[in-house]
Amino acid sequence: MTLPIGVDVSKYQGDINFDVLNNKVEFIGIRATVSWGYVDPKFQRNWSLAKLPRMAYHVIYPGEDARRQTDHFLSIVKPGEHDRLVLDMELDHGYNKTRITDTLEQCLVELWDETGRYPVIYSRASWVNQFLDVSRLPKLDWWLAGYRKPLPSPLYTPEKDPPPRLPNGVSRWLIHQTGERGNGSEVGVVSYYVDTNRWNGTR
């Protein structure tokens, strides 16, 4: 597979050895915030030590105020010119498609107003089809999960070849999250497994 490889990390990957990671992968997604109050305790360390193209992601709570969430996200992350922001859309918390789409739409407007660009949207096709009305959204960059059937632990599961399954109404993808059971030690993370990703383009 020749597409650039990346990983995504949070506190669950422990104190990452960035001397290894910076030389093993070509981009990274780093969890920053959740809802309107939580900050990943490893974010500042991970963000400062990642010496490669990086994305900071925020986990949306669909029932919470959009402005409050985006203000919290931007109070923690100060993206540079080449950094990307990401909204993680995978929680429904019992809300319907209209409410979840409303919250995402409001977050998109807030981030556009503050940064001049839309964030990447992380999700998977089945979730988007059930919980988002894509027809109401602007043209966005999509980071979509799609894996092989996992091998039994403690085996590592090979990446699923791109492309990912696309949600209804989406015609292109930016990143494919190809697995959640990659070899963590190979890229310098403490956790046994690590998520793997492929960028739809060149280095």
N, C-alpha and C. Protein backbone atom coordinates (compact mmCIF):
# COMPACT_ATOMS: atom_id res chain seq x y z
N MET A 1 0.86 -1.19 0.00
CA MET A 1 0.00 0.00 0.00
C MET A 1 0.90 1.25 0.00
N THR A 2 0.69 2.14 -0.95
CA THR A 2 1.61 3.26 -1.11
C THR A 2 1.09 4.57 -0.55
N LEU A 3 -0.17 4.64 -0.16
CA LEU A 3 -0.69 5.90 0.39
C LEU A 3 -0.01 6.20 1.72
N PRO A 4 0.23 7.49 2.03
CA PRO A 4 0.90 7.84 3.29
C PRO A 4 0.16 7.27 4.50
N ILE A 5 0.93 6.75 5.45
CA ILE A 5 0.35 6.11 6.63
C ILE A 5 0.40 7.04 7.83
N GLY A 6 -0.65 6.97 8.65
CA GLY A 6 -0.70 7.75 9.88
C GLY A 6 -1.31 6.94 11.01
N VAL A 7 -1.27 7.52 12.21
CA VAL A 7 -1.93 6.93 13.38
C VAL A 7 -2.75 8.01 14.06
N ASP A 8 -3.67 7.58 14.92
CA ASP A 8 -4.34 8.56 15.78
C ASP A 8 -4.23 8.10 17.22
N VAL A 9 -4.08 9.07 18.13
CA VAL A 9 -3.72 8.76 19.51
C VAL A 9 -4.51 9.61 20.50
N SER A 10 -4.54 9.13 21.73
CA SER A 10 -5.14 9.85 22.85
C SER A 10 -4.39 9.42 24.11
N LYS A 11 -4.95 9.71 25.25
CA LYS A 11 -4.29 9.33 26.51
C LYS A 11 -4.07 7.82 26.61
N TYR A 12 -4.90 7.06 25.88
CA TYR A 12 -4.82 5.60 25.99
C TYR A 12 -3.55 5.02 25.38
N GLN A 13 -2.82 5.82 24.61
CA GLN A 13 -1.55 5.36 24.05
C GLN A 13 -0.37 5.66 24.96
N GLY A 14 -0.62 6.28 26.12
CA GLY A 14 0.44 6.51 27.10
C GLY A 14 1.44 7.56 26.66
N ASP A 15 2.62 7.55 27.27
CA ASP A 15 3.69 8.48 26.90
C ASP A 15 4.40 7.97 25.65
N ILE A 16 4.01 8.50 24.53
CA ILE A 16 4.50 8.02 23.24
C ILE A 16 5.98 8.38 23.06
N ASN A 17 6.73 7.46 22.48
CA ASN A 17 8.12 7.72 22.12
C ASN A 17 8.13 8.40 20.75
N PHE A 18 8.17 9.72 20.75
CA PHE A 18 8.09 10.45 19.49
C PHE A 18 9.37 10.37 18.68
N ASP A 19 10.48 9.99 19.28
CA ASP A 19 11.69 9.74 18.49
C ASP A 19 11.44 8.60 17.49
N VAL A 20 10.63 7.64 17.92
CA VAL A 20 10.25 6.54 17.03
C VAL A 20 9.11 6.96 16.11
N LEU A 21 8.03 7.47 16.72
CA LEU A 21 6.83 7.75 15.93
C LEU A 21 7.08 8.75 14.81
N ASN A 22 7.83 9.81 15.08
CA ASN A 22 8.06 10.83 14.06
C ASN A 22 8.78 10.29 12.83
N ASN A 23 9.43 9.14 12.98
CA ASN A 23 10.14 8.54 11.87
C ASN A 23 9.43 7.34 11.26
N LYS A 24 8.31 6.93 11.86
CA LYS A 24 7.62 5.73 11.41
C LYS A 24 6.34 6.02 10.63
N VAL A 25 5.72 7.16 10.92
CA VAL A 25 4.47 7.48 10.23
C VAL A 25 4.58 8.87 9.60
N GLU A 26 3.59 9.20 8.77
CA GLU A 26 3.68 10.43 7.98
C GLU A 26 2.66 11.49 8.39
N PHE A 27 1.69 11.14 9.22
CA PHE A 27 0.77 12.12 9.78
C PHE A 27 0.14 11.54 11.04
N ILE A 28 -0.47 12.41 11.84
CA ILE A 28 -1.02 11.96 13.12
C ILE A 28 -2.28 12.74 13.47
N GLY A 29 -3.26 12.03 14.04
CA GLY A 29 -4.43 12.64 14.64
C GLY A 29 -4.32 12.54 16.15
N ILE A 30 -4.58 13.63 16.86
CA ILE A 30 -4.37 13.69 18.31
C ILE A 30 -5.65 14.19 18.99
N ARG A 31 -6.17 13.40 19.93
CA ARG A 31 -7.38 13.85 20.63
C ARG A 31 -7.05 15.02 21.53
N ALA A 32 -7.87 16.08 21.41
CA ALA A 32 -7.67 17.28 22.22
C ALA A 32 -8.74 17.41 23.29
N THR A 33 -10.00 17.40 22.86
CA THR A 33 -11.09 17.76 23.77
C THR A 33 -12.32 16.91 23.52
N VAL A 34 -13.21 16.92 24.53
CA VAL A 34 -14.50 16.24 24.44
C VAL A 34 -15.54 17.18 25.02
N SER A 35 -16.67 17.35 24.31
CA SER A 35 -17.77 18.19 24.76
C SER A 35 -17.27 19.60 25.08
N TRP A 36 -17.67 20.17 26.24
CA TRP A 36 -17.32 21.57 26.52
C TRP A 36 -16.36 21.73 27.69
N GLY A 37 -15.90 20.59 28.29
CA GLY A 37 -15.06 20.76 29.47
C GLY A 37 -13.86 19.85 29.58
N TYR A 38 -13.86 18.75 28.84
CA TYR A 38 -12.79 17.77 29.02
C TYR A 38 -11.62 18.04 28.09
N VAL A 39 -10.41 17.92 28.64
CA VAL A 39 -9.18 18.02 27.85
C VAL A 39 -8.42 16.71 28.02
N ASP A 40 -8.01 16.11 26.91
CA ASP A 40 -7.21 14.89 27.00
C ASP A 40 -5.90 15.23 27.72
N PRO A 41 -5.58 14.50 28.80
CA PRO A 41 -4.41 14.86 29.58
C PRO A 41 -3.08 14.68 28.85
N LYS A 42 -3.06 13.96 27.75
CA LYS A 42 -1.83 13.78 26.97
C LYS A 42 -1.77 14.74 25.77
N PHE A 43 -2.80 15.58 25.59
CA PHE A 43 -2.84 16.37 24.36
C PHE A 43 -1.65 17.30 24.22
N GLN A 44 -1.37 18.11 25.23
CA GLN A 44 -0.31 19.11 25.07
C GLN A 44 1.04 18.45 24.80
N ARG A 45 1.33 17.35 25.48
CA ARG A 45 2.57 16.64 25.23
C ARG A 45 2.61 16.10 23.80
N ASN A 46 1.53 15.43 23.40
CA ASN A 46 1.49 14.85 22.06
C ASN A 46 1.57 15.92 20.98
N TRP A 47 0.85 17.01 21.17
CA TRP A 47 0.80 18.07 20.17
C TRP A 47 2.17 18.74 20.00
N SER A 48 2.86 18.95 21.12
CA SER A 48 4.14 19.66 21.06
C SER A 48 5.26 18.79 20.52
N LEU A 49 5.16 17.47 20.70
CA LEU A 49 6.25 16.59 20.30
C LEU A 49 6.05 15.98 18.91
N ALA A 50 4.87 16.10 18.34
CA ALA A 50 4.61 15.57 17.00
C ALA A 50 5.26 16.47 15.96
N LYS A 51 6.28 16.00 15.29
CA LYS A 51 7.03 16.79 14.30
C LYS A 51 6.67 16.32 12.89
N LEU A 52 5.40 16.20 12.63
CA LEU A 52 4.91 15.74 11.34
C LEU A 52 3.50 16.32 11.15
N PRO A 53 2.94 16.26 9.94
CA PRO A 53 1.60 16.83 9.75
C PRO A 53 0.63 16.29 10.79
N ARG A 54 -0.12 17.20 11.42
CA ARG A 54 -0.91 16.80 12.57
C ARG A 54 -2.33 17.37 12.51
N MET A 55 -3.23 16.63 13.12
CA MET A 55 -4.63 17.01 13.24
C MET A 55 -5.02 16.91 14.71
N ALA A 56 -5.78 17.88 15.19
CA ALA A 56 -6.32 17.83 16.55
C ALA A 56 -7.81 17.54 16.44
N TYR A 57 -8.28 16.59 17.24
CA TYR A 57 -9.71 16.28 17.12
C TYR A 57 -10.49 16.49 18.42
N HIS A 58 -11.75 16.86 18.20
CA HIS A 58 -12.71 17.13 19.27
C HIS A 58 -13.87 16.18 19.12
N VAL A 59 -14.26 15.53 20.23
CA VAL A 59 -15.40 14.62 20.23
C VAL A 59 -16.67 15.40 20.55
N ILE A 60 -17.59 15.43 19.57
CA ILE A 60 -18.83 16.18 19.72
C ILE A 60 -19.84 15.42 20.59
N TYR A 61 -20.43 16.12 21.55
CA TYR A 61 -21.60 15.63 22.28
C TYR A 61 -22.81 16.32 21.64
N PRO A 62 -23.66 15.59 20.94
CA PRO A 62 -24.71 16.23 20.13
C PRO A 62 -25.76 16.99 20.94
N GLY A 63 -25.91 16.67 22.22
CA GLY A 63 -26.90 17.35 23.03
C GLY A 63 -26.39 18.60 23.73
N GLU A 64 -25.10 18.89 23.60
CA GLU A 64 -24.51 20.04 24.26
C GLU A 64 -24.38 21.23 23.30
N ASP A 65 -24.27 22.42 23.86
CA ASP A 65 -24.25 23.65 23.07
C ASP A 65 -23.04 23.68 22.12
N ALA A 66 -23.32 23.94 20.84
CA ALA A 66 -22.26 23.91 19.82
C ALA A 66 -21.22 25.00 20.07
N ARG A 67 -21.65 26.21 20.37
CA ARG A 67 -20.71 27.31 20.57
C ARG A 67 -19.80 27.03 21.77
N ARG A 68 -20.37 26.50 22.82
CA ARG A 68 -19.59 26.20 24.00
C ARG A 68 -18.53 25.14 23.69
N GLN A 69 -18.90 24.16 22.88
CA GLN A 69 -17.94 23.10 22.52
C GLN A 69 -16.82 23.64 21.63
N THR A 70 -17.17 24.43 20.62
CA THR A 70 -16.12 24.94 19.73
C THR A 70 -15.22 25.95 20.44
N ASP A 71 -15.80 26.75 21.33
CA ASP A 71 -14.97 27.68 22.11
C ASP A 71 -13.97 26.91 22.96
N HIS A 72 -14.43 25.82 23.57
CA HIS A 72 -13.55 24.98 24.39
C HIS A 72 -12.44 24.37 23.53
N PHE A 73 -12.80 23.84 22.39
CA PHE A 73 -11.84 23.23 21.46
C PHE A 73 -10.75 24.24 21.08
N LEU A 74 -11.17 25.43 20.69
CA LEU A 74 -10.21 26.44 20.22
C LEU A 74 -9.43 27.09 21.37
N SER A 75 -9.93 26.97 22.59
CA SER A 75 -9.17 27.48 23.73
C SER A 75 -7.98 26.58 24.04
N ILE A 76 -8.06 25.32 23.61
CA ILE A 76 -7.00 24.35 23.87
C ILE A 76 -6.07 24.20 22.67
N VAL A 77 -6.63 24.23 21.47
CA VAL A 77 -5.85 24.02 20.26
C VAL A 77 -5.66 25.35 19.53
N LYS A 78 -4.43 25.69 19.26
CA LYS A 78 -4.10 26.87 18.46
C LYS A 78 -3.48 26.37 17.15
N PRO A 79 -4.31 26.05 16.15
CA PRO A 79 -3.77 25.41 14.95
C PRO A 79 -2.88 26.34 14.15
N GLY A 80 -1.77 25.78 13.66
CA GLY A 80 -0.91 26.51 12.74
C GLY A 80 -1.45 26.43 11.33
N GLU A 81 -0.75 27.03 10.41
CA GLU A 81 -1.21 27.12 9.02
C GLU A 81 -1.48 25.75 8.41
N HIS A 82 -0.68 24.76 8.76
CA HIS A 82 -0.79 23.45 8.12
C HIS A 82 -1.45 22.40 9.01
N ASP A 83 -1.90 22.79 10.20
CA ASP A 83 -2.62 21.87 11.07
C ASP A 83 -4.08 21.81 10.64
N ARG A 84 -4.70 20.66 10.87
CA ARG A 84 -6.12 20.52 10.60
C ARG A 84 -6.87 20.23 11.89
N LEU A 85 -8.06 20.80 11.99
CA LEU A 85 -8.98 20.47 13.06
C LEU A 85 -9.94 19.40 12.58
N VAL A 86 -10.39 18.56 13.52
CA VAL A 86 -11.28 17.45 13.19
C VAL A 86 -12.41 17.42 14.20
N LEU A 87 -13.63 17.16 13.73
CA LEU A 87 -14.76 16.87 14.61
C LEU A 87 -15.07 15.39 14.52
N ASP A 88 -15.02 14.73 15.67
CA ASP A 88 -15.28 13.30 15.78
C ASP A 88 -16.79 13.11 15.99
N MET A 89 -17.44 12.54 14.98
CA MET A 89 -18.89 12.34 15.02
C MET A 89 -19.18 10.85 15.08
N GLU A 90 -19.34 10.34 16.30
CA GLU A 90 -19.68 8.92 16.45
C GLU A 90 -20.56 8.65 17.66
N LEU A 91 -20.99 9.71 18.35
CA LEU A 91 -21.88 9.56 19.50
C LEU A 91 -23.25 10.12 19.17
N ASP A 92 -24.30 9.37 19.48
CA ASP A 92 -25.66 9.91 19.26
C ASP A 92 -26.35 10.27 20.57
N HIS A 93 -26.00 9.61 21.66
CA HIS A 93 -26.58 9.90 22.99
C HIS A 93 -28.10 9.93 22.97
N GLY A 94 -28.71 9.16 22.07
CA GLY A 94 -30.16 9.06 22.01
C GLY A 94 -30.86 10.17 21.24
N TYR A 95 -30.11 11.07 20.63
CA TYR A 95 -30.71 12.16 19.86
C TYR A 95 -30.99 11.71 18.43
N ASN A 96 -31.92 12.41 17.77
CA ASN A 96 -32.29 12.03 16.41
C ASN A 96 -31.41 12.72 15.37
N LYS A 97 -31.60 12.34 14.12
CA LYS A 97 -30.79 12.84 13.02
C LYS A 97 -30.85 14.36 12.91
N THR A 98 -32.03 14.93 13.10
CA THR A 98 -32.19 16.38 12.97
C THR A 98 -31.37 17.11 14.02
N ARG A 99 -31.46 16.66 15.28
CA ARG A 99 -30.74 17.33 16.36
C ARG A 99 -29.23 17.18 16.18
N ILE A 100 -28.78 16.01 15.80
CA ILE A 100 -27.34 15.79 15.63
C ILE A 100 -26.81 16.62 14.47
N THR A 101 -27.56 16.69 13.38
CA THR A 101 -27.14 17.51 12.24
C THR A 101 -27.15 18.98 12.61
N ASP A 102 -28.14 19.42 13.39
CA ASP A 102 -28.18 20.82 13.86
C ASP A 102 -26.91 21.16 14.62
N THR A 103 -26.51 20.30 15.54
CA THR A 103 -25.33 20.56 16.36
C THR A 103 -24.07 20.62 15.49
N LEU A 104 -23.93 19.67 14.58
CA LEU A 104 -22.77 19.68 13.70
C LEU A 104 -22.75 20.93 12.83
N GLU A 105 -23.90 21.29 12.26
CA GLU A 105 -23.98 22.49 11.41
C GLU A 105 -23.52 23.73 12.18
N GLN A 106 -23.98 23.85 13.41
CA GLN A 106 -23.61 25.02 14.22
C GLN A 106 -22.11 25.01 14.52
N CYS A 107 -21.55 23.84 14.80
CA CYS A 107 -20.11 23.74 15.05
C CYS A 107 -19.32 24.13 13.80
N LEU A 108 -19.79 23.72 12.63
CA LEU A 108 -19.12 24.06 11.38
C LEU A 108 -19.10 25.56 11.16
N VAL A 109 -20.22 26.21 11.41
CA VAL A 109 -20.31 27.67 11.25
C VAL A 109 -19.34 28.36 12.20
N GLU A 110 -19.32 27.93 13.46
CA GLU A 110 -18.45 28.54 14.46
C GLU A 110 -16.98 28.39 14.07
N LEU A 111 -16.59 27.19 13.64
CA LEU A 111 -15.19 26.96 13.29
C LEU A 111 -14.80 27.70 12.01
N TRP A 112 -15.72 27.78 11.06
CA TRP A 112 -15.45 28.57 9.86
C TRP A 112 -15.23 30.04 10.21
N ASP A 113 -16.10 30.56 11.06
CA ASP A 113 -15.99 31.97 11.45
C ASP A 113 -14.68 32.25 12.17
N GLU A 114 -14.21 31.30 12.98
CA GLU A 114 -13.01 31.51 13.78
C GLU A 114 -11.71 31.21 13.05
N THR A 115 -11.75 30.25 12.10
CA THR A 115 -10.51 29.79 11.48
C THR A 115 -10.45 30.00 9.97
N GLY A 116 -11.60 30.24 9.34
CA GLY A 116 -11.62 30.44 7.90
C GLY A 116 -11.63 29.16 7.09
N ARG A 117 -11.80 28.02 7.76
CA ARG A 117 -11.92 26.75 7.02
C ARG A 117 -12.76 25.78 7.84
N TYR A 118 -13.32 24.80 7.14
CA TYR A 118 -14.10 23.78 7.82
C TYR A 118 -13.18 22.69 8.37
N PRO A 119 -13.58 22.04 9.45
CA PRO A 119 -12.80 20.91 9.96
C PRO A 119 -13.03 19.67 9.11
N VAL A 120 -12.15 18.70 9.29
CA VAL A 120 -12.37 17.36 8.78
C VAL A 120 -13.43 16.69 9.65
N ILE A 121 -14.25 15.82 9.08
CA ILE A 121 -15.25 15.08 9.86
C ILE A 121 -14.84 13.62 9.94
N TYR A 122 -14.66 13.12 11.17
CA TYR A 122 -14.36 11.71 11.39
C TYR A 122 -15.64 10.96 11.73
N SER A 123 -15.87 9.83 11.05
CA SER A 123 -17.01 8.98 11.38
C SER A 123 -16.88 7.68 10.60
N ARG A 124 -17.99 7.00 10.43
CA ARG A 124 -18.05 5.82 9.55
C ARG A 124 -19.36 5.88 8.78
N ALA A 125 -19.41 5.23 7.64
CA ALA A 125 -20.56 5.37 6.74
C ALA A 125 -21.87 4.99 7.42
N SER A 126 -21.88 3.88 8.14
CA SER A 126 -23.14 3.42 8.74
C SER A 126 -23.68 4.44 9.75
N TRP A 127 -22.78 5.05 10.52
CA TRP A 127 -23.22 6.04 11.51
C TRP A 127 -23.74 7.30 10.82
N VAL A 128 -23.01 7.77 9.83
CA VAL A 128 -23.43 8.97 9.11
C VAL A 128 -24.79 8.76 8.47
N ASN A 129 -25.00 7.62 7.84
CA ASN A 129 -26.28 7.36 7.19
C ASN A 129 -27.44 7.36 8.18
N GLN A 130 -27.19 6.92 9.40
CA GLN A 130 -28.25 6.86 10.41
C GLN A 130 -28.47 8.19 11.11
N PHE A 131 -27.41 8.97 11.32
CA PHE A 131 -27.51 10.09 12.24
C PHE A 131 -27.22 11.47 11.65
N LEU A 132 -26.81 11.56 10.39
CA LEU A 132 -26.55 12.87 9.79
C LEU A 132 -27.30 13.04 8.48
N ASP A 133 -27.79 14.25 8.24
CA ASP A 133 -28.39 14.61 6.97
C ASP A 133 -27.31 15.32 6.16
N VAL A 134 -26.59 14.55 5.34
CA VAL A 134 -25.45 15.09 4.59
C VAL A 134 -25.88 16.20 3.64
N SER A 135 -27.12 16.16 3.17
CA SER A 135 -27.59 17.18 2.23
C SER A 135 -27.61 18.57 2.83
N ARG A 136 -27.60 18.67 4.15
CA ARG A 136 -27.60 19.97 4.82
C ARG A 136 -26.19 20.52 5.07
N LEU A 137 -25.17 19.71 4.79
CA LEU A 137 -23.81 20.09 5.13
C LEU A 137 -23.07 20.67 3.93
N PRO A 138 -22.10 21.56 4.16
CA PRO A 138 -21.26 22.04 3.06
C PRO A 138 -20.33 20.92 2.58
N LYS A 139 -19.58 21.17 1.54
CA LYS A 139 -18.59 20.21 1.07
C LYS A 139 -17.49 20.10 2.12
N LEU A 140 -17.23 18.88 2.57
CA LEU A 140 -16.31 18.66 3.68
C LEU A 140 -15.28 17.60 3.33
N ASP A 141 -14.19 17.59 4.08
CA ASP A 141 -13.21 16.51 4.02
C ASP A 141 -13.62 15.45 5.03
N TRP A 142 -13.64 14.19 4.58
CA TRP A 142 -14.11 13.09 5.41
C TRP A 142 -12.98 12.12 5.76
N TRP A 143 -12.95 11.76 7.05
CA TRP A 143 -12.03 10.75 7.59
C TRP A 143 -12.93 9.60 8.03
N LEU A 144 -12.89 8.49 7.30
CA LEU A 144 -13.88 7.44 7.46
C LEU A 144 -13.24 6.13 7.91
N ALA A 145 -13.85 5.53 8.92
CA ALA A 145 -13.36 4.26 9.46
C ALA A 145 -13.94 3.09 8.68
N GLY A 146 -13.13 2.07 8.48
CA GLY A 146 -13.57 0.83 7.86
C GLY A 146 -12.47 -0.20 8.00
N TYR A 147 -12.75 -1.30 8.74
CA TYR A 147 -11.71 -2.25 9.12
C TYR A 147 -11.99 -3.66 8.57
N ARG A 148 -10.95 -4.49 8.60
CA ARG A 148 -11.13 -5.92 8.41
C ARG A 148 -11.75 -6.51 9.68
N LYS A 149 -12.31 -7.70 9.58
CA LYS A 149 -12.75 -8.43 10.77
C LYS A 149 -11.53 -8.69 11.65
N PRO A 150 -11.61 -8.33 12.94
CA PRO A 150 -10.41 -8.46 13.79
C PRO A 150 -10.01 -9.91 14.02
N LEU A 151 -8.71 -10.14 13.99
CA LEU A 151 -8.17 -11.44 14.38
C LEU A 151 -8.22 -11.56 15.90
N PRO A 152 -8.26 -12.77 16.43
CA PRO A 152 -8.34 -12.91 17.90
C PRO A 152 -7.10 -12.34 18.58
N SER A 153 -7.29 -11.72 19.74
CA SER A 153 -6.17 -11.21 20.53
C SER A 153 -5.26 -12.38 20.90
N PRO A 154 -3.95 -12.16 20.96
CA PRO A 154 -3.23 -10.88 20.85
C PRO A 154 -2.72 -10.58 19.44
N LEU A 155 -3.31 -11.17 18.42
CA LEU A 155 -2.83 -10.96 17.06
C LEU A 155 -3.13 -9.54 16.58
N TYR A 156 -2.27 -9.02 15.74
CA TYR A 156 -2.52 -7.75 15.07
C TYR A 156 -3.35 -8.03 13.81
N THR A 157 -4.27 -7.12 13.50
CA THR A 157 -5.12 -7.28 12.32
C THR A 157 -4.59 -6.41 11.20
N PRO A 158 -4.34 -6.97 10.03
CA PRO A 158 -3.84 -6.15 8.91
C PRO A 158 -4.82 -5.04 8.54
N GLU A 159 -4.27 -3.99 7.93
CA GLU A 159 -5.11 -2.89 7.47
C GLU A 159 -6.08 -3.36 6.39
N LYS A 160 -7.23 -2.70 6.35
CA LYS A 160 -8.17 -2.89 5.24
C LYS A 160 -7.73 -1.97 4.11
N ASP A 161 -7.68 -2.50 2.91
CA ASP A 161 -7.28 -1.69 1.76
C ASP A 161 -8.30 -0.59 1.49
N PRO A 162 -7.84 0.64 1.24
CA PRO A 162 -8.76 1.70 0.81
C PRO A 162 -9.39 1.33 -0.54
N PRO A 163 -10.51 1.96 -0.90
CA PRO A 163 -11.13 3.07 -0.19
C PRO A 163 -12.09 2.59 0.90
N PRO A 164 -12.46 3.48 1.84
CA PRO A 164 -13.50 3.15 2.81
C PRO A 164 -14.87 3.21 2.14
N ARG A 165 -15.84 2.61 2.78
CA ARG A 165 -17.23 2.78 2.33
C ARG A 165 -17.63 4.24 2.54
N LEU A 166 -18.25 4.85 1.54
CA LEU A 166 -18.66 6.25 1.62
C LEU A 166 -20.11 6.36 2.08
N PRO A 167 -20.41 7.32 2.95
CA PRO A 167 -21.80 7.55 3.33
C PRO A 167 -22.62 8.04 2.13
N ASN A 168 -23.92 7.89 2.23
CA ASN A 168 -24.81 8.42 1.20
C ASN A 168 -24.60 9.93 1.08
N GLY A 169 -24.42 10.40 -0.15
CA GLY A 169 -24.25 11.83 -0.37
C GLY A 169 -22.82 12.31 -0.30
N VAL A 170 -21.88 11.41 0.01
CA VAL A 170 -20.46 11.76 0.07
C VAL A 170 -19.76 11.10 -1.12
N SER A 171 -18.99 11.87 -1.88
CA SER A 171 -18.40 11.34 -3.11
C SER A 171 -16.88 11.20 -3.04
N ARG A 172 -16.26 11.71 -1.96
CA ARG A 172 -14.80 11.61 -1.88
C ARG A 172 -14.37 11.50 -0.42
N TRP A 173 -13.19 10.94 -0.22
CA TRP A 173 -12.67 10.78 1.14
C TRP A 173 -11.25 11.33 1.21
N LEU A 174 -10.89 11.83 2.39
CA LEU A 174 -9.54 12.35 2.61
C LEU A 174 -8.66 11.33 3.33
N ILE A 175 -9.22 10.69 4.35
CA ILE A 175 -8.47 9.72 5.17
C ILE A 175 -9.34 8.48 5.37
N HIS A 176 -8.70 7.32 5.28
CA HIS A 176 -9.35 6.06 5.62
C HIS A 176 -8.69 5.53 6.89
N GLN A 177 -9.48 5.38 7.96
CA GLN A 177 -8.97 4.69 9.15
C GLN A 177 -9.07 3.19 8.85
N THR A 178 -7.91 2.61 8.56
CA THR A 178 -7.86 1.25 8.00
C THR A 178 -7.83 0.14 9.03
N GLY A 179 -7.68 0.49 10.30
CA GLY A 179 -7.64 -0.53 11.32
C GLY A 179 -7.55 0.06 12.72
N GLU A 180 -7.89 -0.75 13.70
CA GLU A 180 -7.77 -0.35 15.11
C GLU A 180 -6.91 -1.32 15.89
N ARG A 181 -6.29 -2.27 15.18
CA ARG A 181 -5.44 -3.25 15.85
C ARG A 181 -4.08 -3.36 15.18
N GLY A 182 -3.50 -2.17 14.89
CA GLY A 182 -2.13 -2.15 14.40
C GLY A 182 -1.14 -2.35 15.53
N ASN A 183 0.11 -2.56 15.19
CA ASN A 183 1.17 -2.84 16.16
C ASN A 183 1.64 -1.55 16.81
N GLY A 184 1.27 -1.35 18.08
CA GLY A 184 1.62 -0.12 18.77
C GLY A 184 3.11 0.06 18.97
N SER A 185 3.81 -1.00 19.39
CA SER A 185 5.24 -0.86 19.69
C SER A 185 6.05 -0.51 18.45
N GLU A 186 5.55 -0.90 17.29
CA GLU A 186 6.26 -0.62 16.04
C GLU A 186 6.38 0.87 15.76
N VAL A 187 5.40 1.65 16.27
CA VAL A 187 5.41 3.10 16.02
C VAL A 187 5.69 3.91 17.29
N GLY A 188 6.05 3.25 18.38
CA GLY A 188 6.48 3.97 19.57
C GLY A 188 5.40 4.30 20.58
N VAL A 189 4.21 3.67 20.47
CA VAL A 189 3.19 3.94 21.48
C VAL A 189 3.23 2.86 22.56
N VAL A 190 2.73 3.21 23.74
CA VAL A 190 2.76 2.29 24.88
C VAL A 190 1.67 1.23 24.75
N SER A 191 0.51 1.62 24.21
CA SER A 191 -0.59 0.67 24.09
C SER A 191 -0.22 -0.45 23.12
N TYR A 192 -0.79 -1.62 23.35
CA TYR A 192 -0.48 -2.79 22.52
C TYR A 192 -0.94 -2.55 21.08
N TYR A 193 -2.18 -2.03 20.96
CA TYR A 193 -2.76 -1.74 19.64
C TYR A 193 -2.72 -0.25 19.35
N VAL A 194 -2.78 0.09 18.07
CA VAL A 194 -2.89 1.49 17.66
C VAL A 194 -3.74 1.55 16.39
N ASP A 195 -4.49 2.64 16.24
CA ASP A 195 -5.28 2.85 15.02
C ASP A 195 -4.35 3.23 13.87
N THR A 196 -4.67 2.72 12.68
CA THR A 196 -3.90 3.04 11.49
C THR A 196 -4.78 3.78 10.48
N ASN A 197 -4.15 4.64 9.69
CA ASN A 197 -4.89 5.48 8.73
C ASN A 197 -4.08 5.65 7.45
N ARG A 198 -4.78 5.90 6.36
CA ARG A 198 -4.14 6.20 5.08
C ARG A 198 -4.71 7.49 4.51
N TRP A 199 -3.80 8.33 4.02
CA TRP A 199 -4.14 9.63 3.44
C TRP A 199 -4.37 9.46 1.94
N ASN A 200 -5.48 9.99 1.44
CA ASN A 200 -5.83 9.83 0.04
C ASN A 200 -5.11 10.86 -0.82
N GLY A 201 -3.81 10.62 -1.04
CA GLY A 201 -3.00 11.55 -1.80
C GLY A 201 -1.53 11.23 -1.65
N THR A 202 -0.69 12.17 -1.96
CA THR A 202 0.75 11.96 -1.86
C THR A 202 1.27 12.58 -0.57
N ARG A 203 2.55 12.32 -0.29
CA ARG A 203 3.15 12.94 0.89
C ARG A 203 3.09 14.46 0.78
